[in-house]
């Protein structure tokens, strides 16, 4: 059955969380089905609901108790974590893959405020960065779109830039190589990220620096893959 918030879903934080826990259950097998699109579209259109999702997974930074969570809480946290990990959309994304940048910015600012109030500011910024690994390019062809560039270049959002690097790394997925193949794939990725950084050096230097770091990481991986390939061939 397709997932939906239903009427009255936003009446209170507790009712939102109750509906979220029940609503997430069908999402487990829906990665490529319309229900998944509905799930993410609704979560990413309501900042308070996204923060409730984070609260299922992460403890507040100010937590002092060590109370053991219930089995139902553990199950809900596991499902919520899997939903977050599979999110390949950004707030404000339209059906055609473009982004309503005003809606994106409004969502982020409200969600960051709510996350801070809930003691989850840092984890929200990290999750936001990981989501933005799936952001489209802007109308000018430069990646990512303008509002995301501006956000990721803010000095206080270093955690989001680190999350972006993590998201881009994870986005690659499983890697398949031939027996004698070295680091060619990694060098291609290094060139991609250095190229993206070059386009942003003047306008968004902090974001450019983060992409350059990722490019250098892939250059190091490439050298390691070259060595591994040579060792395999030498037997």
Protein backbone atom coordinates (compact mmCIF):
# COMPACT_ATOMS: atom_id res chain seq x y z
CA UNK A 1 0.00 0.00 0.00
CA UNK A 2 1.48 3.41 -0.90
CA UNK A 3 2.74 5.32 2.08
CA UNK A 4 0.99 8.53 3.12
CA UNK A 5 0.91 10.86 6.06
CA UNK A 6 -2.86 10.98 6.03
CA UNK A 7 -5.09 13.73 7.40
CA UNK A 8 -4.03 15.44 10.59
CA UNK A 9 -0.44 14.19 10.39
CA UNK A 10 1.01 17.50 11.55
CA UNK A 11 -1.16 18.06 14.62
CA UNK A 12 1.70 17.54 17.07
CA UNK A 13 5.24 16.27 17.38
CA UNK A 14 4.10 13.05 19.05
CA UNK A 15 1.45 12.26 16.42
CA UNK A 16 3.94 13.07 13.65
CA UNK A 17 6.44 10.65 15.16
CA UNK A 18 3.79 7.93 15.64
CA UNK A 19 2.73 8.22 12.01
CA UNK A 20 6.34 8.34 10.88
CA UNK A 21 7.19 5.09 12.67
CA UNK A 22 4.22 3.29 11.13
CA UNK A 23 4.64 4.94 7.75
CA UNK A 24 8.28 3.99 7.36
CA UNK A 25 7.61 0.27 7.59
CA UNK A 26 6.46 -0.24 3.97
CA UNK A 27 9.46 1.73 2.70
CA UNK A 28 11.86 -1.15 3.19
CA UNK A 29 11.17 -2.75 -0.18
CA UNK A 30 10.15 0.34 -2.13
CA UNK A 31 13.44 1.73 -3.38
CA UNK A 32 12.31 1.83 -7.02
CA UNK A 33 8.55 2.09 -6.60
CA UNK A 34 6.20 5.10 -6.53
CA UNK A 35 5.72 4.64 -2.78
CA UNK A 36 9.37 5.56 -2.22
CA UNK A 37 8.93 8.76 -4.23
CA UNK A 38 5.89 9.62 -2.16
CA UNK A 39 7.75 8.90 1.07
CA UNK A 40 10.72 11.09 0.23
CA UNK A 41 8.65 13.84 -1.36
CA UNK A 42 6.59 14.20 1.80
CA UNK A 43 9.48 13.93 4.26
CA UNK A 44 11.51 16.46 2.25
CA UNK A 45 8.64 18.90 2.05
CA UNK A 46 8.15 19.18 5.82
CA UNK A 47 11.22 20.09 7.91
CA UNK A 48 9.61 19.00 11.19
CA UNK A 49 8.97 15.52 9.80
CA UNK A 50 12.56 15.21 8.61
CA UNK A 51 13.81 16.15 12.07
CA UNK A 52 11.50 13.53 13.61
CA UNK A 53 13.18 11.03 11.30
CA UNK A 54 16.59 12.09 12.60
CA UNK A 55 15.34 11.83 16.18
CA UNK A 56 14.46 8.19 15.57
CA UNK A 57 18.08 7.49 14.63
CA UNK A 58 20.26 9.87 16.63
CA UNK A 59 20.41 10.79 20.29
CA UNK A 60 20.59 14.51 21.11
CA UNK A 61 24.07 15.89 21.59
CA UNK A 62 23.13 16.87 25.15
CA UNK A 63 21.95 13.40 26.17
CA UNK A 64 23.09 12.31 29.62
CA UNK A 65 20.90 9.27 30.37
CA UNK A 66 21.79 5.74 29.32
CA UNK A 67 18.31 4.26 29.23
CA UNK A 68 18.10 1.12 27.09
CA UNK A 69 15.75 1.70 24.12
CA UNK A 70 12.79 -0.59 23.61
CA UNK A 71 12.75 -3.19 20.84
CA UNK A 72 10.16 -1.16 18.92
CA UNK A 73 12.38 1.94 19.18
CA UNK A 74 15.36 -0.04 17.88
CA UNK A 75 13.30 -1.34 14.96
CA UNK A 76 12.03 2.14 14.10
CA UNK A 77 15.58 3.52 14.29
CA UNK A 78 16.86 0.82 11.94
CA UNK A 79 14.16 1.52 9.38
CA UNK A 80 14.64 5.29 9.64
CA UNK A 81 18.40 4.86 9.18
CA UNK A 82 17.86 2.80 6.03
CA UNK A 83 15.46 5.40 4.65
CA UNK A 84 18.03 8.16 5.25
CA UNK A 85 20.78 6.09 3.62
CA UNK A 86 18.67 5.53 0.51
CA UNK A 87 17.65 9.16 0.05
CA UNK A 88 18.71 10.28 -3.42
CA UNK A 89 16.63 13.44 -3.53
CA UNK A 90 17.10 16.95 -2.19
CA UNK A 91 14.44 19.22 -0.70
CA UNK A 92 12.57 21.16 -3.37
CA UNK A 93 13.28 18.64 -6.14
CA UNK A 94 10.67 18.63 -8.90
CA UNK A 95 9.47 15.68 -10.97
CA UNK A 96 11.76 16.68 -13.86
CA UNK A 97 14.84 16.57 -11.62
CA UNK A 98 15.27 20.33 -11.31
CA UNK A 99 15.09 22.06 -7.93
CA UNK A 100 12.85 24.81 -6.63
CA UNK A 101 15.71 26.70 -5.02
CA UNK A 102 13.51 28.90 -2.84
CA UNK A 103 11.76 25.82 -1.45
CA UNK A 104 15.16 24.18 -0.91
CA UNK A 105 16.52 27.15 1.02
CA UNK A 106 13.35 27.53 3.11
CA UNK A 107 13.45 23.83 4.04
CA UNK A 108 17.11 23.93 5.04
CA UNK A 109 16.83 27.04 7.19
CA UNK A 110 13.75 25.77 9.05
CA UNK A 111 15.18 22.28 9.46
CA UNK A 112 18.49 23.60 10.81
CA UNK A 113 16.60 25.67 13.37
CA UNK A 114 14.51 22.67 14.47
CA UNK A 115 17.57 20.42 14.52
CA UNK A 116 19.39 22.83 16.82
CA UNK A 117 16.39 22.94 19.15
CA UNK A 118 16.34 19.12 19.19
CA UNK A 119 20.07 18.79 19.87
CA UNK A 120 20.73 17.33 16.40
CA UNK A 121 22.33 20.28 14.62
CA UNK A 122 25.55 18.51 13.69
CA UNK A 123 23.92 15.29 12.49
CA UNK A 124 21.46 17.28 10.39
CA UNK A 125 24.26 19.17 8.67
CA UNK A 126 26.06 15.88 8.00
CA UNK A 127 22.93 14.23 6.57
CA UNK A 128 22.24 17.32 4.48
CA UNK A 129 25.71 17.15 2.98
CA UNK A 130 25.26 13.47 2.13
CA UNK A 131 21.92 14.21 0.44
CA UNK A 132 23.53 16.95 -1.63
CA UNK A 133 25.84 14.37 -3.21
CA UNK A 134 22.74 13.60 -5.33
CA UNK A 135 22.04 17.23 -6.22
CA UNK A 136 21.66 18.20 -9.88
CA UNK A 137 23.76 20.83 -11.62
CA UNK A 138 22.50 24.37 -11.94
CA UNK A 139 21.01 26.00 -15.03
CA UNK A 140 24.53 27.23 -15.85
CA UNK A 141 25.79 23.63 -16.01
CA UNK A 142 27.93 24.01 -12.89
CA UNK A 143 27.51 21.41 -10.14
CA UNK A 144 25.74 21.64 -7.76
CA UNK A 145 22.83 24.04 -8.32
CA UNK A 146 23.25 27.62 -7.11
CA UNK A 147 21.44 27.47 -3.76
CA UNK A 148 23.35 24.32 -2.81
CA UNK A 149 26.65 25.98 -3.74
CA UNK A 150 25.85 28.99 -1.59
CA UNK A 151 24.85 26.78 1.33
CA UNK A 152 27.91 24.53 1.14
CA UNK A 153 30.25 27.52 1.03
CA UNK A 154 29.05 28.96 4.34
CA UNK A 155 31.96 28.92 6.84
CA UNK A 156 29.86 27.38 9.63
CA UNK A 157 28.87 24.39 7.48
CA UNK A 158 32.13 22.43 7.50
CA UNK A 159 30.18 19.41 8.77
CA UNK A 160 27.95 19.59 5.70
CA UNK A 161 31.00 19.73 3.42
CA UNK A 162 32.38 16.62 5.12
CA UNK A 163 28.99 14.96 4.70
CA UNK A 164 29.06 15.88 1.00
CA UNK A 165 32.44 14.16 0.60
CA UNK A 166 31.09 11.07 2.36
CA UNK A 167 27.99 11.08 0.16
CA UNK A 168 30.01 11.42 -3.04
CA UNK A 169 32.29 8.59 -1.97
CA UNK A 170 29.35 6.32 -1.12
CA UNK A 171 27.53 7.27 -4.32
CA UNK A 172 30.13 5.38 -6.30
CA UNK A 173 28.86 2.08 -4.93
CA UNK A 174 30.44 -1.26 -5.71
CA UNK A 175 33.48 -1.22 -8.01
CA UNK A 176 34.29 -3.90 -10.58
CA UNK A 177 37.77 -4.18 -12.12
CA UNK A 178 39.70 -6.51 -14.36
CA UNK A 179 42.65 -8.46 -12.99
CA UNK A 180 45.33 -6.13 -14.34
CA UNK A 181 43.39 -2.89 -14.03
CA UNK A 182 45.02 -0.18 -11.99
CA UNK A 183 43.74 3.17 -10.83
CA UNK A 184 42.23 4.47 -14.05
CA UNK A 185 38.71 4.71 -12.63
CA UNK A 186 39.97 6.60 -9.61
CA UNK A 187 41.93 9.04 -11.78
CA UNK A 188 38.79 9.78 -13.77
CA UNK A 189 36.95 10.61 -10.55
CA UNK A 190 39.86 12.74 -9.35
CA UNK A 191 39.73 14.70 -12.61
CA UNK A 192 35.94 15.10 -12.25
CA UNK A 193 36.17 16.56 -8.75
CA UNK A 194 39.14 18.79 -9.60
CA UNK A 195 37.19 20.06 -12.59
CA UNK A 196 34.15 20.83 -10.47
CA UNK A 197 36.38 22.58 -7.96
CA UNK A 198 38.02 24.66 -10.68
CA UNK A 199 34.63 26.01 -11.72
CA UNK A 200 34.00 27.15 -8.13
CA UNK A 201 37.40 28.45 -6.99
CA UNK A 202 36.53 32.12 -7.41
CA UNK A 203 32.89 32.11 -6.35
CA UNK A 204 32.75 29.36 -3.69
CA UNK A 205 36.27 28.73 -2.35
CA UNK A 206 35.34 26.59 0.66
CA UNK A 207 33.24 24.21 -1.43
CA UNK A 208 35.96 24.14 -4.09
CA UNK A 209 38.55 23.22 -1.46
CA UNK A 210 36.36 20.33 -0.26
CA UNK A 211 36.04 18.99 -3.82
CA UNK A 212 39.76 19.38 -4.40
CA UNK A 213 40.44 17.35 -1.24
CA UNK A 214 38.21 14.60 -2.56
CA UNK A 215 40.07 14.73 -5.87
CA UNK A 216 43.39 14.34 -4.07
CA UNK A 217 41.99 11.40 -2.08
CA UNK A 218 41.09 9.67 -5.35
CA UNK A 219 44.55 10.37 -6.74
CA UNK A 220 45.98 8.57 -3.71
CA UNK A 221 43.53 5.69 -4.22
CA UNK A 222 44.62 5.52 -7.87
CA UNK A 223 48.26 5.14 -6.91
CA UNK A 224 47.34 2.38 -4.49
CA UNK A 225 45.33 0.58 -7.18
CA UNK A 226 48.29 0.84 -9.57
CA UNK A 227 50.52 -0.84 -7.00
CA UNK A 228 47.97 -3.59 -6.32
CA UNK A 229 47.58 -4.30 -10.04
CA UNK A 230 51.34 -4.50 -10.53
CA UNK A 231 51.70 -6.89 -7.60
CA UNK A 232 48.95 -9.13 -8.98
CA UNK A 233 50.64 -9.28 -12.38
CA UNK A 234 54.01 -10.08 -10.85
CA UNK A 235 52.40 -12.93 -9.01
